[in-house]
Amino acid sequence: MYDASGAAAEPTHETHVLAQEELHRLTARSPAAYGRWGPTDLQRVLEPYGAEQK
């Protein structure tokens, strides 16, 4: 998540909830591919794009 200036904002409970929601969406779209994924897996694939999980 980013603040109004474009700088990375501190992770919040909302950030965690958004990650969980995205995992649910991915699983619903392709259970065979994403059904066993957890937050660490999502972080691993998003890190090259600047995403962080704290």
N, C-alpha and C. Protein backbone atom coordinates (compact mmCIF):
# COMPACT_ATOMS: atom_id res chain seq x y z
N MET A 1 0.84 -1.16 0.00
CA MET A 1 0.00 0.00 0.00
C MET A 1 0.89 1.23 0.00
N TYR A 2 0.37 2.29 -0.58
CA TYR A 2 1.14 3.51 -0.69
C TYR A 2 0.34 4.68 -0.14
N ASP A 3 1.07 5.68 0.39
CA ASP A 3 0.38 6.88 0.87
C ASP A 3 0.21 7.85 -0.30
N ALA A 4 -0.33 9.02 -0.04
CA ALA A 4 -0.65 9.99 -1.09
C ALA A 4 0.59 10.44 -1.86
N SER A 5 1.76 10.43 -1.23
CA SER A 5 2.98 10.87 -1.91
C SER A 5 3.59 9.78 -2.78
N GLY A 6 3.04 8.58 -2.71
CA GLY A 6 3.58 7.46 -3.48
C GLY A 6 4.58 6.64 -2.69
N ALA A 7 4.89 7.06 -1.46
CA ALA A 7 5.81 6.31 -0.61
C ALA A 7 5.08 5.10 -0.02
N ALA A 8 5.83 4.06 0.23
CA ALA A 8 5.23 2.87 0.83
C ALA A 8 4.73 3.20 2.22
N ALA A 9 3.51 2.82 2.49
CA ALA A 9 2.91 3.05 3.81
C ALA A 9 3.19 1.87 4.71
N GLU A 10 3.16 2.11 6.01
CA GLU A 10 3.35 1.02 6.97
C GLU A 10 2.21 0.02 6.84
N PRO A 11 2.52 -1.28 6.89
CA PRO A 11 1.46 -2.29 6.83
C PRO A 11 0.50 -2.14 8.01
N THR A 12 -0.73 -2.40 7.76
CA THR A 12 -1.75 -2.30 8.80
C THR A 12 -2.56 -3.58 8.80
N HIS A 13 -3.50 -3.65 9.71
CA HIS A 13 -4.43 -4.77 9.72
C HIS A 13 -5.14 -4.85 8.37
N GLU A 14 -5.45 -3.69 7.79
CA GLU A 14 -6.12 -3.66 6.49
C GLU A 14 -5.25 -4.31 5.42
N THR A 15 -3.94 -4.09 5.45
CA THR A 15 -3.03 -4.70 4.49
C THR A 15 -3.10 -6.22 4.60
N HIS A 16 -3.10 -6.74 5.82
CA HIS A 16 -3.17 -8.17 6.05
C HIS A 16 -4.48 -8.73 5.50
N VAL A 17 -5.57 -8.02 5.76
CA VAL A 17 -6.88 -8.45 5.28
C VAL A 17 -6.91 -8.46 3.76
N LEU A 18 -6.32 -7.45 3.14
CA LEU A 18 -6.29 -7.40 1.68
C LEU A 18 -5.50 -8.57 1.10
N ALA A 19 -4.40 -8.93 1.74
CA ALA A 19 -3.62 -10.09 1.28
C ALA A 19 -4.45 -11.36 1.39
N GLN A 20 -5.16 -11.52 2.48
CA GLN A 20 -6.00 -12.71 2.66
C GLN A 20 -7.12 -12.74 1.61
N GLU A 21 -7.71 -11.59 1.33
CA GLU A 21 -8.76 -11.52 0.31
C GLU A 21 -8.22 -11.91 -1.05
N GLU A 22 -7.01 -11.43 -1.36
CA GLU A 22 -6.41 -11.77 -2.65
C GLU A 22 -6.12 -13.26 -2.74
N LEU A 23 -5.66 -13.86 -1.66
CA LEU A 23 -5.44 -15.30 -1.66
C LEU A 23 -6.75 -16.05 -1.92
N HIS A 24 -7.84 -15.58 -1.31
CA HIS A 24 -9.15 -16.21 -1.54
C HIS A 24 -9.57 -16.08 -3.01
N ARG A 25 -9.32 -14.91 -3.60
CA ARG A 25 -9.67 -14.70 -5.01
C ARG A 25 -8.86 -15.61 -5.92
N LEU A 26 -7.57 -15.70 -5.66
CA LEU A 26 -6.73 -16.57 -6.48
C LEU A 26 -7.18 -18.03 -6.36
N THR A 27 -7.48 -18.45 -5.15
CA THR A 27 -7.92 -19.83 -4.93
C THR A 27 -9.25 -20.10 -5.63
N ALA A 28 -10.16 -19.14 -5.57
CA ALA A 28 -11.45 -19.31 -6.24
C ALA A 28 -11.28 -19.39 -7.75
N ARG A 29 -10.32 -18.65 -8.28
CA ARG A 29 -10.09 -18.62 -9.72
C ARG A 29 -9.41 -19.90 -10.21
N SER A 30 -8.47 -20.41 -9.42
CA SER A 30 -7.72 -21.61 -9.84
C SER A 30 -7.31 -22.41 -8.61
N PRO A 31 -8.23 -23.22 -8.08
CA PRO A 31 -7.93 -23.98 -6.87
C PRO A 31 -6.72 -24.90 -7.01
N ALA A 32 -6.53 -25.48 -8.16
CA ALA A 32 -5.40 -26.40 -8.34
C ALA A 32 -4.06 -25.65 -8.25
N ALA A 33 -4.02 -24.43 -8.73
CA ALA A 33 -2.77 -23.66 -8.73
C ALA A 33 -2.51 -22.97 -7.40
N TYR A 34 -3.57 -22.45 -6.75
CA TYR A 34 -3.37 -21.59 -5.58
C TYR A 34 -3.96 -22.14 -4.28
N GLY A 35 -4.60 -23.28 -4.33
CA GLY A 35 -5.30 -23.81 -3.17
C GLY A 35 -4.44 -24.02 -1.93
N ARG A 36 -3.17 -24.27 -2.11
CA ARG A 36 -2.28 -24.52 -0.96
C ARG A 36 -1.43 -23.31 -0.61
N TRP A 37 -1.64 -22.19 -1.29
CA TRP A 37 -0.85 -20.98 -1.03
C TRP A 37 -1.22 -20.36 0.30
N GLY A 38 -0.21 -19.75 0.91
CA GLY A 38 -0.41 -18.96 2.13
C GLY A 38 0.21 -17.59 1.91
N PRO A 39 0.20 -16.76 2.93
CA PRO A 39 0.76 -15.40 2.81
C PRO A 39 2.23 -15.39 2.37
N THR A 40 3.00 -16.36 2.81
CA THR A 40 4.42 -16.41 2.45
C THR A 40 4.59 -16.65 0.95
N ASP A 41 3.75 -17.49 0.38
CA ASP A 41 3.82 -17.75 -1.06
C ASP A 41 3.48 -16.50 -1.86
N LEU A 42 2.44 -15.80 -1.42
CA LEU A 42 2.05 -14.56 -2.09
C LEU A 42 3.17 -13.54 -2.00
N GLN A 43 3.78 -13.42 -0.84
CA GLN A 43 4.89 -12.49 -0.65
C GLN A 43 6.04 -12.84 -1.59
N ARG A 44 6.38 -14.11 -1.67
CA ARG A 44 7.50 -14.56 -2.50
C ARG A 44 7.34 -14.14 -3.96
N VAL A 45 6.14 -14.27 -4.51
CA VAL A 45 5.96 -13.93 -5.92
C VAL A 45 5.78 -12.44 -6.14
N LEU A 46 5.41 -11.69 -5.10
CA LEU A 46 5.22 -10.25 -5.26
C LEU A 46 6.46 -9.43 -4.90
N GLU A 47 7.40 -10.00 -4.17
CA GLU A 47 8.61 -9.26 -3.78
C GLU A 47 9.36 -8.64 -4.95
N PRO A 48 9.51 -9.34 -6.09
CA PRO A 48 10.23 -8.71 -7.21
C PRO A 48 9.57 -7.43 -7.71
N TYR A 49 8.32 -7.23 -7.34
CA TYR A 49 7.58 -6.03 -7.76
C TYR A 49 7.51 -4.99 -6.65
N GLY A 50 8.27 -5.19 -5.58
CA GLY A 50 8.35 -4.21 -4.50
C GLY A 50 7.38 -4.43 -3.35
N ALA A 51 6.62 -5.50 -3.36
CA ALA A 51 5.68 -5.76 -2.27
C ALA A 51 6.43 -6.28 -1.06
N GLU A 52 5.97 -5.88 0.11
CA GLU A 52 6.56 -6.34 1.36
C GLU A 52 5.46 -6.82 2.28
N GLN A 53 5.79 -7.79 3.11
CA GLN A 53 4.86 -8.24 4.14
C GLN A 53 5.58 -8.14 5.46
N LYS A 54 4.92 -7.53 6.43
CA LYS A 54 5.54 -7.40 7.75
C LYS A 54 4.63 -7.93 8.80
